[in-house]
Amino acid sequence: MLTIKRLRCFVAVAEEGHFNKAAARLGISQPPLTEHIRLLEQGLGCRLFERSTRTLKLTNHGERLLDHARSLLTLVDRTHEIVMAGSERPPILRLGLLHAHTYTFLPKLLRSFINQYMMCEFQLVEYSTGGQLGTILSQTVDLGLVREPLTHPEVTTQTLFTEPYVLAISNEIRTTNPVDISVINDRPIIGYPSHDDRRSTRSLFRDFLTQHGIRPSQWREVTTMHSALALVSANLGIAPVPASQQSLKLPGVTYRKIKQAPPELAVGLAQRRGMDNPLAELFTQFAIEHFSTHKSA
């Protein structure tokens, strides 16, 4: 049977490309998620995903369903908003974000906005870097905090700030602050992928390290920043992370500025073209002014 819940499960798996990540996004465990997908495929009479031990990709049937499912879910969400429009509830801004934003710059930004514009509420929608574009295109959110560059003809992006990378280093390694990039020489470097291959840690730092004659002993890639920091804490490598990440204090991890001018990361606000949302426009302008005043994220 085709149900809204099963469509939400399908879209989450399609956008995350992984059952565990989709289950975490939906706030459920993997077994019921897998069952919802099985019943959806059974009801439609076709396979939606090609599964292997390492990859998960949409079939042709799945590709055709994805856009339609996103449109249906948008209509369902809009219907709820229309029904509630006559109530006295304050307006809601659906804001997409990455997990790292929740404990770095976002709390201060939201607190400042609410202090000035109290008559509004936020619905926070968390996505992965790889899922940020799909979520914005599906209109699941009104605005999305994103890692740039995010290039799509149907999406507009406003840069809020750029920040340099710093190095997350094990406490067992004696260093100064700032630290010379040569600290990476003959040590493993730990990175993570991005929605844009040009913005993965390896891509950003490859030329930078070559320029300074630095050769890591190994490149390790993990899926999340938290996994990278866990390896750093165990003294299994050094991880370049955005400067705002320093607010996350972990046992055994020290953050060091880089003496040489390091690569930078840009954070922006993105939305789908044609969306007419005064609250989204107000928040965007407020965020631009907020980060122009508070230069460090």
C-alpha atoms as a PDB file:
ATOM      1  CA  MET A   1       0.000   0.000   0.000  1.00  0.00           C
ATOM      2  CA  LEU A   2       1.183   3.524  -0.830  1.00  0.00           C
ATOM      3  CA  THR A   3       1.211   5.675   2.313  1.00  0.00           C
ATOM      4  CA  ILE A   4       2.657   9.069   3.203  1.00  0.00           C
ATOM      5  CA  LYS A   5       4.901   7.487   5.839  1.00  0.00           C
ATOM      6  CA  ARG A   6       6.325   5.019   3.333  1.00  0.00           C
ATOM      7  CA  LEU A   7       6.946   7.809   0.844  1.00  0.00           C
ATOM      8  CA  ARG A   8       8.819   9.763   3.517  1.00  0.00           C
ATOM      9  CA  CYS A   9      10.910   6.665   4.216  1.00  0.00           C
ATOM     10  CA  PHE A  10      11.609   6.195   0.509  1.00  0.00           C
ATOM     11  CA  VAL A  11      12.678   9.824  -0.001  1.00  0.00           C
ATOM     12  CA  ALA A  12      14.941   9.695   3.072  1.00  0.00           C
ATOM     13  CA  VAL A  13      16.713   6.536   1.863  1.00  0.00           C
ATOM     14  CA  ALA A  14      17.027   7.920  -1.680  1.00  0.00           C
ATOM     15  CA  GLU A  15      18.541  11.209  -0.478  1.00  0.00           C
ATOM     16  CA  GLU A  16      20.835   9.711   2.146  1.00  0.00           C
ATOM     17  CA  GLY A  17      21.894   6.727   0.043  1.00  0.00           C
ATOM     18  CA  HIS A  18      22.113   4.640   3.200  1.00  0.00           C
ATOM     19  CA  PHE A  19      19.506   2.904   5.371  1.00  0.00           C
ATOM     20  CA  ASN A  20      21.234   3.697   8.688  1.00  0.00           C
ATOM     21  CA  LYS A  21      21.552   7.398   7.867  1.00  0.00           C
ATOM     22  CA  ALA A  22      17.955   7.560   6.660  1.00  0.00           C
ATOM     23  CA  ALA A  23      16.740   5.861   9.846  1.00  0.00           C
ATOM     24  CA  ALA A  24      18.653   8.372  11.976  1.00  0.00           C
ATOM     25  CA  ARG A  25      17.187  11.247   9.946  1.00  0.00           C
ATOM     26  CA  LEU A  26      13.654   9.923  10.485  1.00  0.00           C
ATOM     27  CA  GLY A  27      14.201   9.117  14.150  1.00  0.00           C
ATOM     28  CA  ILE A  28      13.435   5.404  13.781  1.00  0.00           C
ATOM     29  CA  SER A  29      15.472   2.205  13.831  1.00  0.00           C
ATOM     30  CA  GLN A  30      16.568   0.478  10.635  1.00  0.00           C
ATOM     31  CA  PRO A  31      14.333  -2.671  10.767  1.00  0.00           C
ATOM     32  CA  PRO A  32      10.990  -0.783  10.500  1.00  0.00           C
ATOM     33  CA  LEU A  33      12.480   1.486   7.830  1.00  0.00           C
ATOM     34  CA  THR A  34      13.545  -1.547   5.793  1.00  0.00           C
ATOM     35  CA  GLU A  35      10.066  -3.026   6.240  1.00  0.00           C
ATOM     36  CA  HIS A  36       8.393   0.180   5.001  1.00  0.00           C
ATOM     37  CA  ILE A  37      10.539   0.105   1.855  1.00  0.00           C
ATOM     38  CA  ARG A  38       9.791  -3.593   1.314  1.00  0.00           C
ATOM     39  CA  LEU A  39       6.032  -3.000   1.609  1.00  0.00           C
ATOM     40  CA  LEU A  40       6.239   0.030  -0.688  1.00  0.00           C
ATOM     41  CA  GLU A  41       8.055  -2.010  -3.341  1.00  0.00           C
ATOM     42  CA  GLN A  42       5.557  -4.836  -2.872  1.00  0.00           C
ATOM     43  CA  GLY A  43       2.609  -2.464  -3.247  1.00  0.00           C
ATOM     44  CA  LEU A  44       4.054  -0.862  -6.378  1.00  0.00           C
ATOM     45  CA  GLY A  45       5.136  -4.181  -7.841  1.00  0.00           C
ATOM     46  CA  CYS A  46       8.679  -3.090  -8.638  1.00  0.00           C
ATOM     47  CA  ARG A  47      12.118  -2.683  -7.092  1.00  0.00           C
ATOM     48  CA  LEU A  48      13.037   0.873  -6.132  1.00  0.00           C
ATOM     49  CA  PHE A  49      16.635   0.284  -5.080  1.00  0.00           C
ATOM     50  CA  GLU A  50      19.563  -1.768  -6.335  1.00  0.00           C
ATOM     51  CA  ARG A  51      21.376  -3.069  -3.281  1.00  0.00           C
ATOM     52  CA  SER A  52      24.857  -4.493  -2.911  1.00  0.00           C
ATOM     53  CA  THR A  53      27.196  -4.922   0.034  1.00  0.00           C
ATOM     54  CA  ARG A  54      28.688  -1.460  -0.533  1.00  0.00           C
ATOM     55  CA  THR A  55      26.286   0.603  -2.624  1.00  0.00           C
ATOM     56  CA  LEU A  56      22.642   1.549  -2.716  1.00  0.00           C
ATOM     57  CA  LYS A  57      21.237   3.231  -5.793  1.00  0.00           C
ATOM     58  CA  LEU A  58      17.854   3.958  -7.312  1.00  0.00           C
ATOM     59  CA  THR A  59      16.459   1.789 -10.070  1.00  0.00           C
ATOM     60  CA  ASN A  60      14.745   3.430 -13.053  1.00  0.00           C
ATOM     61  CA  HIS A  61      11.429   2.964 -11.225  1.00  0.00           C
ATOM     62  CA  GLY A  62      12.927   4.598  -8.135  1.00  0.00           C
ATOM     63  CA  GLU A  63      14.212   7.564 -10.140  1.00  0.00           C
ATOM     64  CA  ARG A  64      10.739   8.161 -11.573  1.00  0.00           C
ATOM     65  CA  LEU A  65       9.105   7.894  -8.149  1.00  0.00           C
ATOM     66  CA  LEU A  66      11.505  10.255  -6.354  1.00  0.00           C
ATOM     67  CA  ASP A  67      10.422  13.554  -7.940  1.00  0.00           C
ATOM     68  CA  HIS A  68       6.751  12.585  -7.692  1.00  0.00           C
ATOM     69  CA  ALA A  69       7.141  11.555  -4.043  1.00  0.00           C
ATOM     70  CA  ARG A  70       8.815  14.862  -3.183  1.00  0.00           C
ATOM     71  CA  SER A  71       5.949  16.765  -4.832  1.00  0.00           C
ATOM     72  CA  LEU A  72       3.332  14.720  -2.953  1.00  0.00           C
ATOM     73  CA  LEU A  73       5.047  15.280   0.396  1.00  0.00           C
ATOM     74  CA  THR A  74       5.294  19.004  -0.302  1.00  0.00           C
ATOM     75  CA  LEU A  75       1.549  19.094  -1.007  1.00  0.00           C
ATOM     76  CA  VAL A  76       0.839  17.238   2.238  1.00  0.00           C
ATOM     77  CA  ASP A  77       2.979  19.676   4.225  1.00  0.00           C
ATOM     78  CA  ARG A  78       1.402  22.676   2.504  1.00  0.00           C
ATOM     79  CA  THR A  79      -2.079  21.330   3.229  1.00  0.00           C
ATOM     80  CA  HIS A  80      -1.278  21.259   6.926  1.00  0.00           C
ATOM     81  CA  GLU A  81       0.036  24.818   6.768  1.00  0.00           C
ATOM     82  CA  ILE A  82      -3.125  26.031   4.999  1.00  0.00           C
ATOM     83  CA  VAL A  83      -5.348  24.392   7.611  1.00  0.00           C
ATOM     84  CA  MET A  84      -3.364  26.019  10.412  1.00  0.00           C
ATOM     85  CA  ALA A  85      -3.197  29.422   8.707  1.00  0.00           C
ATOM     86  CA  GLY A  86      -6.380  30.571  10.361  1.00  0.00           C
ATOM     87  CA  SER A  87      -5.071  29.849  13.854  1.00  0.00           C
ATOM     88  CA  GLU A  88      -3.173  32.283  16.017  1.00  0.00           C
ATOM     89  CA  ARG A  89       0.035  30.295  15.891  1.00  0.00           C
ATOM     90  CA  PRO A  90       3.148  32.344  15.066  1.00  0.00           C
ATOM     91  CA  PRO A  91       4.721  31.862  11.617  1.00  0.00           C
ATOM     92  CA  ILE A  92       7.164  28.981  11.276  1.00  0.00           C
ATOM     93  CA  LEU A  93      10.440  29.060   9.370  1.00  0.00           C
ATOM     94  CA  ARG A  94      11.630  25.636   8.230  1.00  0.00           C
ATOM     95  CA  LEU A  95      15.407  25.841   8.392  1.00  0.00           C
ATOM     96  CA  GLY A  96      17.690  23.138   7.025  1.00  0.00           C
ATOM     97  CA  LEU A  97      21.078  22.631   8.648  1.00  0.00           C
ATOM     98  CA  LEU A  98      24.083  20.376   8.992  1.00  0.00           C
ATOM     99  CA  HIS A  99      24.745  18.601  12.275  1.00  0.00           C
ATOM    100  CA  ALA A 100      27.897  20.641  12.984  1.00  0.00           C
ATOM    101  CA  HIS A 101      25.862  23.861  12.841  1.00  0.00           C
ATOM    102  CA  THR A 102      23.828  22.836  15.906  1.00  0.00           C
ATOM    103  CA  TYR A 103      26.758  23.223  18.305  1.00  0.00           C
ATOM    104  CA  THR A 104      28.804  25.914  16.548  1.00  0.00           C
ATOM    105  CA  PHE A 105      27.319  29.184  15.238  1.00  0.00           C
ATOM    106  CA  LEU A 106      23.592  28.364  14.962  1.00  0.00           C
ATOM    107  CA  PRO A 107      22.475  28.713  18.623  1.00  0.00           C
ATOM    108  CA  LYS A 108      23.821  32.269  18.848  1.00  0.00           C
ATOM    109  CA  LEU A 109      22.241  33.199  15.496  1.00  0.00           C
ATOM    110  CA  LEU A 110      18.811  31.836  16.475  1.00  0.00           C
ATOM    111  CA  ARG A 111      18.951  33.441  19.909  1.00  0.00           C
ATOM    112  CA  SER A 112      19.749  36.850  18.414  1.00  0.00           C
ATOM    113  CA  PHE A 113      16.952  36.543  15.838  1.00  0.00           C
ATOM    114  CA  ILE A 114      14.327  35.432  18.374  1.00  0.00           C
ATOM    115  CA  ASN A 115      15.307  38.239  20.743  1.00  0.00           C
ATOM    116  CA  GLN A 116      14.487  40.728  17.993  1.00  0.00           C
ATOM    117  CA  TYR A 117      11.569  38.931  16.312  1.00  0.00           C
ATOM    118  CA  MET A 118       9.809  36.984  19.039  1.00  0.00           C
ATOM    119  CA  MET A 119       6.639  36.205  17.055  1.00  0.00           C
ATOM    120  CA  CYS A 120       8.022  33.315  15.023  1.00  0.00           C
ATOM    121  CA  GLU A 121       9.055  29.702  15.472  1.00  0.00           C
ATOM    122  CA  PHE A 122      11.680  27.469  13.874  1.00  0.00           C
ATOM    123  CA  GLN A 123      11.359  23.949  12.542  1.00  0.00           C
ATOM    124  CA  LEU A 124      14.891  22.595  12.203  1.00  0.00           C
ATOM    125  CA  VAL A 125      15.475  19.972   9.503  1.00  0.00           C
ATOM    126  CA  GLU A 126      18.847  18.241   9.656  1.00  0.00           C
ATOM    127  CA  TYR A 127      20.477  16.853   6.528  1.00  0.00           C
ATOM    128  CA  SER A 128      23.868  15.574   5.434  1.00  0.00           C
ATOM    129  CA  THR A 129      26.120  17.594   3.153  1.00  0.00           C
ATOM    130  CA  GLY A 130      25.208  15.240   0.327  1.00  0.00           C
ATOM    131  CA  GLY A 131      21.498  15.654   1.024  1.00  0.00           C
ATOM    132  CA  GLN A 132      21.377  19.455   1.327  1.00  0.00           C
ATOM    133  CA  LEU A 133      20.583  20.140  -2.353  1.00  0.00           C
ATOM    134  CA  GLY A 134      17.836  17.524  -2.597  1.00  0.00           C
ATOM    135  CA  THR A 135      16.147  18.813   0.553  1.00  0.00           C
ATOM    136  CA  ILE A 136      16.128  22.397  -0.724  1.00  0.00           C
ATOM    137  CA  LEU A 137      14.845  21.383  -4.164  1.00  0.00           C
ATOM    138  CA  SER A 138      12.045  19.346  -2.588  1.00  0.00           C
ATOM    139  CA  GLN A 139      10.906  22.463  -0.668  1.00  0.00           C
ATOM    140  CA  THR A 140      11.040  20.487   2.579  1.00  0.00           C
ATOM    141  CA  VAL A 141      12.689  23.612   4.004  1.00  0.00           C
ATOM    142  CA  ASP A 142      12.191  27.328   3.369  1.00  0.00           C
ATOM    143  CA  LEU A 143      15.902  28.032   3.799  1.00  0.00           C
ATOM    144  CA  GLY A 144      18.951  25.854   4.164  1.00  0.00           C
ATOM    145  CA  LEU A 145      22.292  26.545   5.808  1.00  0.00           C
ATOM    146  CA  VAL A 146      24.703  24.947   3.358  1.00  0.00           C
ATOM    147  CA  ARG A 147      28.326  24.336   2.587  1.00  0.00           C
ATOM    148  CA  GLU A 148      29.240  26.123  -0.588  1.00  0.00           C
ATOM    149  CA  PRO A 149      29.590  26.020  -3.481  1.00  0.00           C
ATOM    150  CA  LEU A 150      26.027  24.829  -4.125  1.00  0.00           C
ATOM    151  CA  THR A 151      25.297  25.231  -7.820  1.00  0.00           C
ATOM    152  CA  HIS A 152      21.889  24.510  -9.350  1.00  0.00           C
ATOM    153  CA  PRO A 153      19.752  26.592 -11.734  1.00  0.00           C
ATOM    154  CA  GLU A 154      16.742  26.358  -9.410  1.00  0.00           C
ATOM    155  CA  VAL A 155      18.607  27.373  -6.253  1.00  0.00           C
ATOM    156  CA  THR A 156      19.900  30.751  -5.076  1.00  0.00           C
ATOM    157  CA  THR A 157      22.635  31.023  -2.457  1.00  0.00           C
ATOM    158  CA  GLN A 158      23.745  33.913  -0.253  1.00  0.00           C
ATOM    159  CA  THR A 159      27.193  33.536   1.341  1.00  0.00           C
ATOM    160  CA  LEU A 160      27.144  34.322   5.058  1.00  0.00           C
ATOM    161  CA  PHE A 161      30.773  33.829   6.061  1.00  0.00           C
ATOM    162  CA  THR A 162      33.981  32.014   5.279  1.00  0.00           C
ATOM    163  CA  GLU A 163      36.211  30.423   7.871  1.00  0.00           C
ATOM    164  CA  PRO A 164      39.685  28.906   7.759  1.00  0.00           C
ATOM    165  CA  TYR A 165      40.484  25.301   8.491  1.00  0.00           C
ATOM    166  CA  VAL A 166      42.372  24.457  11.663  1.00  0.00           C
ATOM    167  CA  LEU A 167      44.007  21.173  12.643  1.00  0.00           C
ATOM    168  CA  ALA A 168      42.515  18.776  15.172  1.00  0.00           C
ATOM    169  CA  ILE A 169      45.537  17.084  16.758  1.00  0.00           C
ATOM    170  CA  SER A 170      45.953  14.454  19.453  1.00  0.00           C
ATOM    171  CA  ASN A 171      47.049  15.780  22.844  1.00  0.00           C
ATOM    172  CA  GLU A 172      49.879  13.253  22.646  1.00  0.00           C
ATOM    173  CA  ILE A 173      51.564  15.354  19.953  1.00  0.00           C
ATOM    174  CA  ARG A 174      53.388  18.369  21.366  1.00  0.00           C
ATOM    175  CA  THR A 175      52.568  21.443  19.271  1.00  0.00           C
ATOM    176  CA  THR A 176      52.590  25.213  19.349  1.00  0.00           C
ATOM    177  CA  ASN A 177      49.680  27.461  18.405  1.00  0.00           C
ATOM    178  CA  PRO A 178      49.687  28.261  15.547  1.00  0.00           C
ATOM    179  CA  VAL A 179      51.264  25.066  14.322  1.00  0.00           C
ATOM    180  CA  ASP A 180      53.406  24.648  11.221  1.00  0.00           C
ATOM    181  CA  ILE A 181      51.755  22.503   8.553  1.00  0.00           C
ATOM    182  CA  SER A 182      54.848  20.282   8.619  1.00  0.00           C
ATOM    183  CA  VAL A 183      53.276  18.578  11.660  1.00  0.00           C
ATOM    184  CA  ILE A 184      51.333  16.488   9.108  1.00  0.00           C
ATOM    185  CA  ASN A 185      54.503  15.220   7.430  1.00  0.00           C
ATOM    186  CA  ASP A 186      54.719  11.416   7.664  1.00  0.00           C
ATOM    187  CA  ARG A 187      51.510  11.267   9.712  1.00  0.00           C
ATOM    188  CA  PRO A 188      48.052  10.071   8.593  1.00  0.00           C
ATOM    189  CA  ILE A 189      45.621  12.828   7.601  1.00  0.00           C
ATOM    190  CA  ILE A 190      41.910  12.213   8.184  1.00  0.00           C
ATOM    191  CA  GLY A 191      39.277  13.799   5.990  1.00  0.00           C
ATOM    192  CA  TYR A 192      35.663  13.459   4.950  1.00  0.00           C
ATOM    193  CA  PRO A 193      33.813  13.769   1.649  1.00  0.00           C
ATOM    194  CA  SER A 194      31.617  16.664   0.503  1.00  0.00           C
ATOM    195  CA  HIS A 195      28.622  17.211  -1.772  1.00  0.00           C
ATOM    196  CA  ASP A 196      31.141  18.608  -4.248  1.00  0.00           C
ATOM    197  CA  ASP A 197      34.266  16.545  -4.936  1.00  0.00           C
ATOM    198  CA  ARG A 198      36.255  19.769  -5.207  1.00  0.00           C
ATOM    199  CA  ARG A 199      35.421  20.583  -1.579  1.00  0.00           C
ATOM    200  CA  SER A 200      36.355  17.283   0.058  1.00  0.00           C
ATOM    201  CA  THR A 201      39.163  17.536   2.600  1.00  0.00           C
ATOM    202  CA  ARG A 202      41.522  15.655   0.316  1.00  0.00           C
ATOM    203  CA  SER A 203      40.808  17.925  -2.651  1.00  0.00           C
ATOM    204  CA  LEU A 204      41.173  21.111  -0.585  1.00  0.00           C
ATOM    205  CA  PHE A 205      44.416  20.083   1.090  1.00  0.00           C
ATOM    206  CA  ARG A 206      46.149  18.134  -1.674  1.00  0.00           C
ATOM    207  CA  ASP A 207      47.591  21.176  -3.457  1.00  0.00           C
ATOM    208  CA  PHE A 208      48.106  23.037  -0.176  1.00  0.00           C
ATOM    209  CA  LEU A 209      50.294  20.265   1.223  1.00  0.00           C
ATOM    210  CA  THR A 210      52.166  19.813  -2.064  1.00  0.00           C
ATOM    211  CA  GLN A 211      52.899  23.542  -2.129  1.00  0.00           C
ATOM    212  CA  HIS A 212      54.655  23.244   1.225  1.00  0.00           C
ATOM    213  CA  GLY A 213      56.377  19.938   0.458  1.00  0.00           C
ATOM    214  CA  ILE A 214      54.289  17.952   2.958  1.00  0.00           C
ATOM    215  CA  ARG A 215      53.608  14.274   2.440  1.00  0.00           C
ATOM    216  CA  PRO A 216      51.168  12.537   4.806  1.00  0.00           C
ATOM    217  CA  SER A 217      51.912   8.889   5.472  1.00  0.00           C
ATOM    218  CA  GLN A 218      48.306   8.034   4.627  1.00  0.00           C
ATOM    219  CA  TRP A 219      44.991   9.593   3.573  1.00  0.00           C
ATOM    220  CA  ARG A 220      42.042   8.287   5.554  1.00  0.00           C
ATOM    221  CA  GLU A 221      38.477   9.248   4.700  1.00  0.00           C
ATOM    222  CA  VAL A 222      35.517   8.846   7.055  1.00  0.00           C
ATOM    223  CA  THR A 223      31.898   9.844   6.561  1.00  0.00           C
ATOM    224  CA  THR A 224      31.495  12.340   9.425  1.00  0.00           C
ATOM    225  CA  MET A 225      33.539  14.895  11.303  1.00  0.00           C
ATOM    226  CA  HIS A 226      32.790  13.080  14.556  1.00  0.00           C
ATOM    227  CA  SER A 227      34.416   9.911  13.225  1.00  0.00           C
ATOM    228  CA  ALA A 228      37.455  11.946  12.208  1.00  0.00           C
ATOM    229  CA  LEU A 229      37.754  13.446  15.690  1.00  0.00           C
ATOM    230  CA  ALA A 230      37.426  10.018  17.299  1.00  0.00           C
ATOM    231  CA  LEU A 231      40.460   8.861  15.293  1.00  0.00           C
ATOM    232  CA  VAL A 232      42.331  12.024  16.263  1.00  0.00           C
ATOM    233  CA  SER A 233      41.595  11.388  19.937  1.00  0.00           C
ATOM    234  CA  ALA A 234      43.064   7.899  19.534  1.00  0.00           C
ATOM    235  CA  ASN A 235      46.196   9.466  17.941  1.00  0.00           C
ATOM    236  CA  LEU A 236      45.493   7.749  14.621  1.00  0.00           C
ATOM    237  CA  GLY A 237      45.871  10.868  12.515  1.00  0.00           C
ATOM    238  CA  ILE A 238      45.391  14.623  12.162  1.00  0.00           C
ATOM    239  CA  ALA A 239      42.140  16.097  10.840  1.00  0.00           C
ATOM    240  CA  PRO A 240      41.618  19.500   9.188  1.00  0.00           C
ATOM    241  CA  VAL A 241      38.292  20.927  10.461  1.00  0.00           C
ATOM    242  CA  PRO A 242      36.499  24.286  10.076  1.00  0.00           C
ATOM    243  CA  ALA A 243      37.533  26.812  12.741  1.00  0.00           C
ATOM    244  CA  SER A 244      34.018  26.925  14.245  1.00  0.00           C
ATOM    245  CA  GLN A 245      34.409  23.242  15.097  1.00  0.00           C
ATOM    246  CA  GLN A 246      36.673  24.250  17.983  1.00  0.00           C
ATOM    247  CA  SER A 247      33.590  24.809  20.138  1.00  0.00           C
ATOM    248  CA  LEU A 248      33.216  21.015  20.334  1.00  0.00           C
ATOM    249  CA  LYS A 249      35.536  19.933  23.139  1.00  0.00           C
ATOM    250  CA  LEU A 250      36.532  16.267  23.053  1.00  0.00           C
ATOM    251  CA  PRO A 251      38.909  14.399  25.361  1.00  0.00           C
ATOM    252  CA  GLY A 252      42.325  13.967  23.819  1.00  0.00           C
ATOM    253  CA  VAL A 253      41.780  16.504  21.027  1.00  0.00           C
ATOM    254  CA  THR A 254      43.517  19.871  20.663  1.00  0.00           C
ATOM    255  CA  TYR A 255      42.717  22.430  17.955  1.00  0.00           C
ATOM    256  CA  ARG A 256      45.556  24.410  16.407  1.00  0.00           C
ATOM    257  CA  LYS A 257      45.556  27.278  13.933  1.00  0.00           C
ATOM    258  CA  ILE A 258      47.754  26.717  10.887  1.00  0.00           C
ATOM    259  CA  LYS A 259      50.755  29.026  10.566  1.00  0.00           C
ATOM    260  CA  GLN A 260      50.549  29.066   6.769  1.00  0.00           C
ATOM    261  CA  ALA A 261      47.403  30.514   5.118  1.00  0.00           C
ATOM    262  CA  PRO A 262      45.052  27.485   5.083  1.00  0.00           C
ATOM    263  CA  PRO A 263      42.149  26.590   2.776  1.00  0.00           C
ATOM    264  CA  GLU A 264      38.774  28.071   3.727  1.00  0.00           C
ATOM    265  CA  LEU A 265      35.192  26.862   3.938  1.00  0.00           C
ATOM    266  CA  ALA A 266      32.184  29.006   2.932  1.00  0.00           C
ATOM    267  CA  VAL A 267      28.773  28.742   4.615  1.00  0.00           C
ATOM    268  CA  GLY A 268      25.660  30.184   3.007  1.00  0.00           C
ATOM    269  CA  LEU A 269      21.872  30.288   3.032  1.00  0.00           C
ATOM    270  CA  ALA A 270      20.144  28.653   0.068  1.00  0.00           C
ATOM    271  CA  GLN A 271      16.564  28.427  -1.112  1.00  0.00           C
ATOM    272  CA  ARG A 272      14.660  27.301  -4.163  1.00  0.00           C
ATOM    273  CA  ARG A 273      13.971  30.015  -6.736  1.00  0.00           C
ATOM    274  CA  GLY A 274      10.457  31.392  -6.795  1.00  0.00           C
ATOM    275  CA  MET A 275       9.654  30.705  -3.161  1.00  0.00           C
ATOM    276  CA  ASP A 276       7.790  33.707  -1.767  1.00  0.00           C
ATOM    277  CA  ASN A 277       8.381  33.668   1.983  1.00  0.00           C
ATOM    278  CA  PRO A 278       8.749  37.038   3.762  1.00  0.00           C
ATOM    279  CA  LEU A 279       9.995  35.339   6.930  1.00  0.00           C
ATOM    280  CA  ALA A 280      12.759  33.578   4.979  1.00  0.00           C
ATOM    281  CA  GLU A 281      13.780  36.901   3.440  1.00  0.00           C
ATOM    282  CA  LEU A 282      13.787  38.564   6.868  1.00  0.00           C
ATOM    283  CA  PHE A 283      15.951  35.796   8.349  1.00  0.00           C
ATOM    284  CA  THR A 284      18.386  35.947   5.421  1.00  0.00           C
ATOM    285  CA  GLN A 285      18.913  39.694   5.797  1.00  0.00           C
ATOM    286  CA  PHE A 286      19.275  39.320   9.565  1.00  0.00           C
ATOM    287  CA  ALA A 287      21.875  36.542   9.127  1.00  0.00           C
ATOM    288  CA  ILE A 288      23.883  38.640   6.659  1.00  0.00           C
ATOM    289  CA  GLU A 289      24.038  41.517   9.150  1.00  0.00           C
ATOM    290  CA  HIS A 290      24.725  39.132  12.058  1.00  0.00           C
ATOM    291  CA  PHE A 291      27.811  37.641  10.430  1.00  0.00           C
ATOM    292  CA  SER A 292      29.063  40.975   9.143  1.00  0.00           C
ATOM    293  CA  THR A 293      29.042  42.124  12.789  1.00  0.00           C
ATOM    294  CA  HIS A 294      30.361  38.898  14.259  1.00  0.00           C
ATOM    295  CA  LYS A 295      33.217  38.180  11.894  1.00  0.00           C
ATOM    296  CA  SER A 296      34.058  34.851  13.471  1.00  0.00           C
ATOM    297  CA  ALA A 297      31.368  32.219  13.160  1.00  0.00           C
END
